[in-house]
N, C-alpha and C. Protein backbone atom coordinates (compact mmCIF):
# COMPACT_ATOMS: atom_id res chain seq x y z
N UNK A 1 -19.50 -151.92 -19.39
CA UNK A 1 -18.79 -151.00 -20.25
C UNK A 1 -18.19 -149.88 -19.39
N UNK A 2 -17.18 -149.25 -19.95
CA UNK A 2 -16.45 -148.26 -19.16
C UNK A 2 -17.15 -146.91 -19.10
N UNK A 3 -16.85 -146.21 -18.04
CA UNK A 3 -17.38 -144.86 -17.86
C UNK A 3 -16.83 -143.94 -18.94
N UNK A 4 -15.57 -144.16 -19.34
CA UNK A 4 -14.96 -143.32 -20.37
C UNK A 4 -15.73 -143.43 -21.69
N UNK A 5 -16.12 -144.65 -22.06
CA UNK A 5 -16.87 -144.83 -23.31
C UNK A 5 -18.27 -144.24 -23.17
N UNK A 6 -18.90 -144.42 -22.02
CA UNK A 6 -20.22 -143.81 -21.78
C UNK A 6 -20.14 -142.30 -21.92
N UNK A 7 -19.09 -141.70 -21.34
CA UNK A 7 -18.91 -140.24 -21.42
C UNK A 7 -18.68 -139.79 -22.86
N UNK A 8 -17.89 -140.55 -23.60
CA UNK A 8 -17.61 -140.20 -24.99
C UNK A 8 -18.90 -140.24 -25.82
N UNK A 9 -19.69 -141.28 -25.63
CA UNK A 9 -20.96 -141.40 -26.37
C UNK A 9 -21.90 -140.26 -25.99
N UNK A 10 -21.97 -139.95 -24.72
CA UNK A 10 -22.81 -138.83 -24.26
C UNK A 10 -22.37 -137.53 -24.93
N UNK A 11 -21.07 -137.29 -24.95
CA UNK A 11 -20.55 -136.07 -25.57
C UNK A 11 -20.87 -136.03 -27.07
N UNK A 12 -20.62 -137.14 -27.76
CA UNK A 12 -20.84 -137.17 -29.21
C UNK A 12 -22.32 -137.06 -29.59
N UNK A 13 -23.19 -137.53 -28.73
CA UNK A 13 -24.62 -137.47 -29.06
C UNK A 13 -25.28 -136.15 -28.66
N UNK A 14 -24.54 -135.30 -27.96
CA UNK A 14 -25.12 -134.03 -27.54
C UNK A 14 -24.34 -132.81 -28.01
N UNK A 15 -23.23 -133.01 -28.70
CA UNK A 15 -22.38 -131.89 -29.09
C UNK A 15 -22.88 -131.19 -30.35
N UNK A 16 -22.49 -129.94 -30.47
CA UNK A 16 -22.74 -129.19 -31.70
C UNK A 16 -21.46 -129.13 -32.53
N UNK A 17 -20.39 -129.73 -32.01
CA UNK A 17 -19.12 -129.82 -32.70
C UNK A 17 -19.22 -130.81 -33.85
N UNK A 18 -18.24 -130.77 -34.72
CA UNK A 18 -18.11 -131.82 -35.73
C UNK A 18 -17.90 -133.14 -34.99
N UNK A 19 -18.61 -134.19 -35.42
CA UNK A 19 -18.45 -135.48 -34.74
C UNK A 19 -17.03 -136.02 -34.88
N UNK A 20 -16.44 -135.84 -36.04
CA UNK A 20 -15.07 -136.31 -36.24
C UNK A 20 -14.11 -135.60 -35.30
N UNK A 21 -14.29 -134.30 -35.16
CA UNK A 21 -13.42 -133.51 -34.28
C UNK A 21 -13.63 -133.90 -32.82
N UNK A 22 -14.87 -134.06 -32.43
CA UNK A 22 -15.17 -134.44 -31.05
C UNK A 22 -14.65 -135.85 -30.75
N UNK A 23 -14.81 -136.77 -31.69
CA UNK A 23 -14.36 -138.15 -31.50
C UNK A 23 -12.85 -138.22 -31.41
N UNK A 24 -12.16 -137.38 -32.15
CA UNK A 24 -10.69 -137.40 -32.16
C UNK A 24 -10.12 -137.15 -30.76
N UNK A 25 -10.84 -136.45 -29.93
CA UNK A 25 -10.37 -136.19 -28.57
C UNK A 25 -10.34 -137.42 -27.69
N UNK A 26 -10.92 -138.51 -28.14
CA UNK A 26 -11.00 -139.72 -27.32
C UNK A 26 -10.05 -140.82 -27.80
N UNK A 27 -9.25 -140.56 -28.81
CA UNK A 27 -8.41 -141.60 -29.40
C UNK A 27 -7.46 -142.25 -28.40
N UNK A 28 -6.90 -141.48 -27.52
CA UNK A 28 -5.91 -142.01 -26.58
C UNK A 28 -6.52 -142.66 -25.35
N UNK A 29 -7.81 -142.45 -25.13
CA UNK A 29 -8.40 -142.92 -23.87
C UNK A 29 -9.34 -144.10 -24.00
N UNK A 30 -9.72 -144.46 -25.22
CA UNK A 30 -10.70 -145.54 -25.40
C UNK A 30 -10.07 -146.79 -26.00
N UNK A 31 -10.66 -147.92 -25.69
CA UNK A 31 -10.20 -149.21 -26.18
C UNK A 31 -11.01 -149.60 -27.42
N UNK A 32 -10.33 -149.82 -28.56
CA UNK A 32 -11.04 -150.19 -29.79
C UNK A 32 -11.89 -151.46 -29.63
N UNK A 33 -11.41 -152.42 -28.85
CA UNK A 33 -12.17 -153.67 -28.66
C UNK A 33 -13.48 -153.38 -27.93
N UNK A 34 -13.44 -152.47 -26.98
CA UNK A 34 -14.66 -152.12 -26.24
C UNK A 34 -15.65 -151.39 -27.16
N UNK A 35 -15.13 -150.53 -28.02
CA UNK A 35 -15.99 -149.82 -28.96
C UNK A 35 -16.67 -150.82 -29.89
N UNK A 36 -15.90 -151.77 -30.42
CA UNK A 36 -16.48 -152.78 -31.32
C UNK A 36 -17.51 -153.64 -30.61
N UNK A 37 -17.25 -154.02 -29.37
CA UNK A 37 -18.21 -154.83 -28.61
C UNK A 37 -19.50 -154.06 -28.38
N UNK A 38 -19.38 -152.79 -28.06
CA UNK A 38 -20.56 -151.96 -27.82
C UNK A 38 -21.34 -151.73 -29.10
N UNK A 39 -20.60 -151.58 -30.21
CA UNK A 39 -21.25 -151.38 -31.51
C UNK A 39 -22.06 -152.60 -31.90
N UNK A 40 -21.55 -153.78 -31.58
CA UNK A 40 -22.26 -155.02 -31.91
C UNK A 40 -23.60 -155.11 -31.19
N UNK A 41 -23.72 -154.46 -30.04
CA UNK A 41 -24.96 -154.50 -29.25
C UNK A 41 -25.90 -153.35 -29.57
N UNK A 42 -25.38 -152.28 -30.18
CA UNK A 42 -26.19 -151.09 -30.45
C UNK A 42 -27.06 -151.29 -31.68
N UNK A 43 -28.22 -150.65 -31.68
CA UNK A 43 -29.11 -150.69 -32.85
C UNK A 43 -28.59 -149.69 -33.88
N UNK A 44 -28.52 -150.10 -35.16
CA UNK A 44 -27.94 -149.25 -36.20
C UNK A 44 -28.61 -147.89 -36.41
N UNK A 45 -29.86 -147.75 -36.08
CA UNK A 45 -30.54 -146.48 -36.34
C UNK A 45 -30.60 -145.58 -35.11
N UNK A 46 -29.59 -145.66 -34.24
CA UNK A 46 -29.59 -144.84 -33.02
C UNK A 46 -28.42 -143.88 -33.02
N UNK A 47 -28.54 -142.84 -32.21
CA UNK A 47 -27.46 -141.87 -32.05
C UNK A 47 -26.23 -142.54 -31.45
N UNK A 48 -26.44 -143.49 -30.55
CA UNK A 48 -25.32 -144.21 -29.94
C UNK A 48 -24.50 -144.92 -31.02
N UNK A 49 -25.17 -145.57 -31.96
CA UNK A 49 -24.49 -146.30 -33.02
C UNK A 49 -23.68 -145.34 -33.90
N UNK A 50 -24.25 -144.21 -34.22
CA UNK A 50 -23.55 -143.22 -35.06
C UNK A 50 -22.29 -142.73 -34.33
N UNK A 51 -22.41 -142.46 -33.04
CA UNK A 51 -21.25 -142.03 -32.25
C UNK A 51 -20.18 -143.12 -32.25
N UNK A 52 -20.60 -144.36 -32.05
CA UNK A 52 -19.66 -145.48 -32.04
C UNK A 52 -19.00 -145.66 -33.40
N UNK A 53 -19.75 -145.43 -34.47
CA UNK A 53 -19.19 -145.52 -35.82
C UNK A 53 -18.05 -144.53 -36.01
N UNK A 54 -18.26 -143.30 -35.53
CA UNK A 54 -17.22 -142.28 -35.65
C UNK A 54 -15.99 -142.66 -34.84
N UNK A 55 -16.21 -143.15 -33.64
CA UNK A 55 -15.08 -143.57 -32.81
C UNK A 55 -14.34 -144.74 -33.46
N UNK A 56 -15.07 -145.72 -33.95
CA UNK A 56 -14.46 -146.89 -34.57
C UNK A 56 -13.68 -146.50 -35.83
N UNK A 57 -14.22 -145.61 -36.62
CA UNK A 57 -13.55 -145.18 -37.85
C UNK A 57 -12.22 -144.52 -37.53
N UNK A 58 -12.19 -143.71 -36.50
CA UNK A 58 -10.94 -143.05 -36.13
C UNK A 58 -9.94 -144.03 -35.54
N UNK A 59 -10.42 -145.02 -34.83
CA UNK A 59 -9.52 -146.01 -34.24
C UNK A 59 -8.87 -146.87 -35.32
N UNK A 60 -9.58 -147.08 -36.43
CA UNK A 60 -9.03 -147.88 -37.53
C UNK A 60 -8.07 -147.08 -38.40
N UNK A 61 -8.12 -145.76 -38.29
CA UNK A 61 -7.25 -144.94 -39.10
C UNK A 61 -5.80 -145.20 -38.72
N UNK A 62 -4.93 -145.37 -39.70
CA UNK A 62 -3.54 -145.59 -39.35
C UNK A 62 -2.94 -144.34 -38.73
N UNK A 63 -2.16 -144.54 -37.71
CA UNK A 63 -1.50 -143.41 -37.08
C UNK A 63 -0.29 -143.03 -37.93
N UNK A 64 -0.07 -141.73 -38.11
CA UNK A 64 1.07 -141.33 -38.95
C UNK A 64 2.38 -141.79 -38.33
N UNK A 65 3.24 -142.29 -39.17
CA UNK A 65 4.57 -142.70 -38.71
C UNK A 65 5.60 -141.92 -39.49
N UNK A 66 6.69 -141.57 -38.83
CA UNK A 66 7.71 -140.82 -39.56
C UNK A 66 8.31 -141.66 -40.68
N UNK A 67 8.62 -141.00 -41.77
CA UNK A 67 9.23 -141.72 -42.88
C UNK A 67 10.67 -142.04 -42.54
N UNK A 68 11.14 -143.23 -42.92
CA UNK A 68 12.54 -143.56 -42.62
C UNK A 68 13.48 -142.68 -43.43
N UNK A 69 14.65 -142.44 -42.87
CA UNK A 69 15.65 -141.62 -43.56
C UNK A 69 16.13 -142.37 -44.79
N UNK A 70 16.43 -141.65 -45.86
CA UNK A 70 16.89 -142.33 -47.06
C UNK A 70 18.22 -143.04 -46.78
N UNK A 71 18.38 -144.19 -47.39
CA UNK A 71 19.61 -144.97 -47.21
C UNK A 71 20.76 -144.27 -47.92
N UNK A 72 21.93 -144.37 -47.33
CA UNK A 72 23.12 -143.77 -47.95
C UNK A 72 23.44 -144.54 -49.23
N UNK A 73 23.89 -143.85 -50.25
CA UNK A 73 24.23 -144.56 -51.50
C UNK A 73 25.37 -145.54 -51.25
N UNK A 74 25.29 -146.66 -51.90
CA UNK A 74 26.32 -147.69 -51.75
C UNK A 74 27.61 -147.22 -52.42
N UNK A 75 28.72 -147.58 -51.82
CA UNK A 75 30.01 -147.23 -52.40
C UNK A 75 30.21 -148.04 -53.69
N UNK A 76 30.83 -147.43 -54.69
CA UNK A 76 31.04 -148.18 -55.94
C UNK A 76 31.94 -149.39 -55.69
N UNK A 77 31.60 -150.48 -56.31
CA UNK A 77 32.38 -151.71 -56.15
C UNK A 77 33.68 -151.58 -56.93
N UNK A 78 34.76 -152.03 -56.33
CA UNK A 78 36.05 -151.97 -57.02
C UNK A 78 36.17 -153.18 -57.92
N UNK A 79 36.70 -153.00 -59.10
CA UNK A 79 36.86 -154.11 -60.01
C UNK A 79 38.17 -154.84 -59.72
N UNK A 80 38.15 -156.13 -59.86
CA UNK A 80 39.33 -156.96 -59.60
C UNK A 80 40.06 -157.17 -60.92
N UNK A 81 40.95 -156.24 -61.27
CA UNK A 81 41.67 -156.35 -62.53
C UNK A 81 42.98 -157.00 -62.36
């Protein structure tokens, strides 16, 4: 497992910060597949598992995307009289 994930788990299991806030700082640096693999090996009643749950939940959150610009109104069709 990566040092980055080990460091993130260490931080989340020892911080006095909100876990969600602390976990959000790792979104760009961790691999979701690695988090899921580590979670599969962790025991559910441990601090490590709780930290991994927070990381996994944030990784599954959809990233905000800008809304597309509204389409221009279609020109009125001319009648063939």
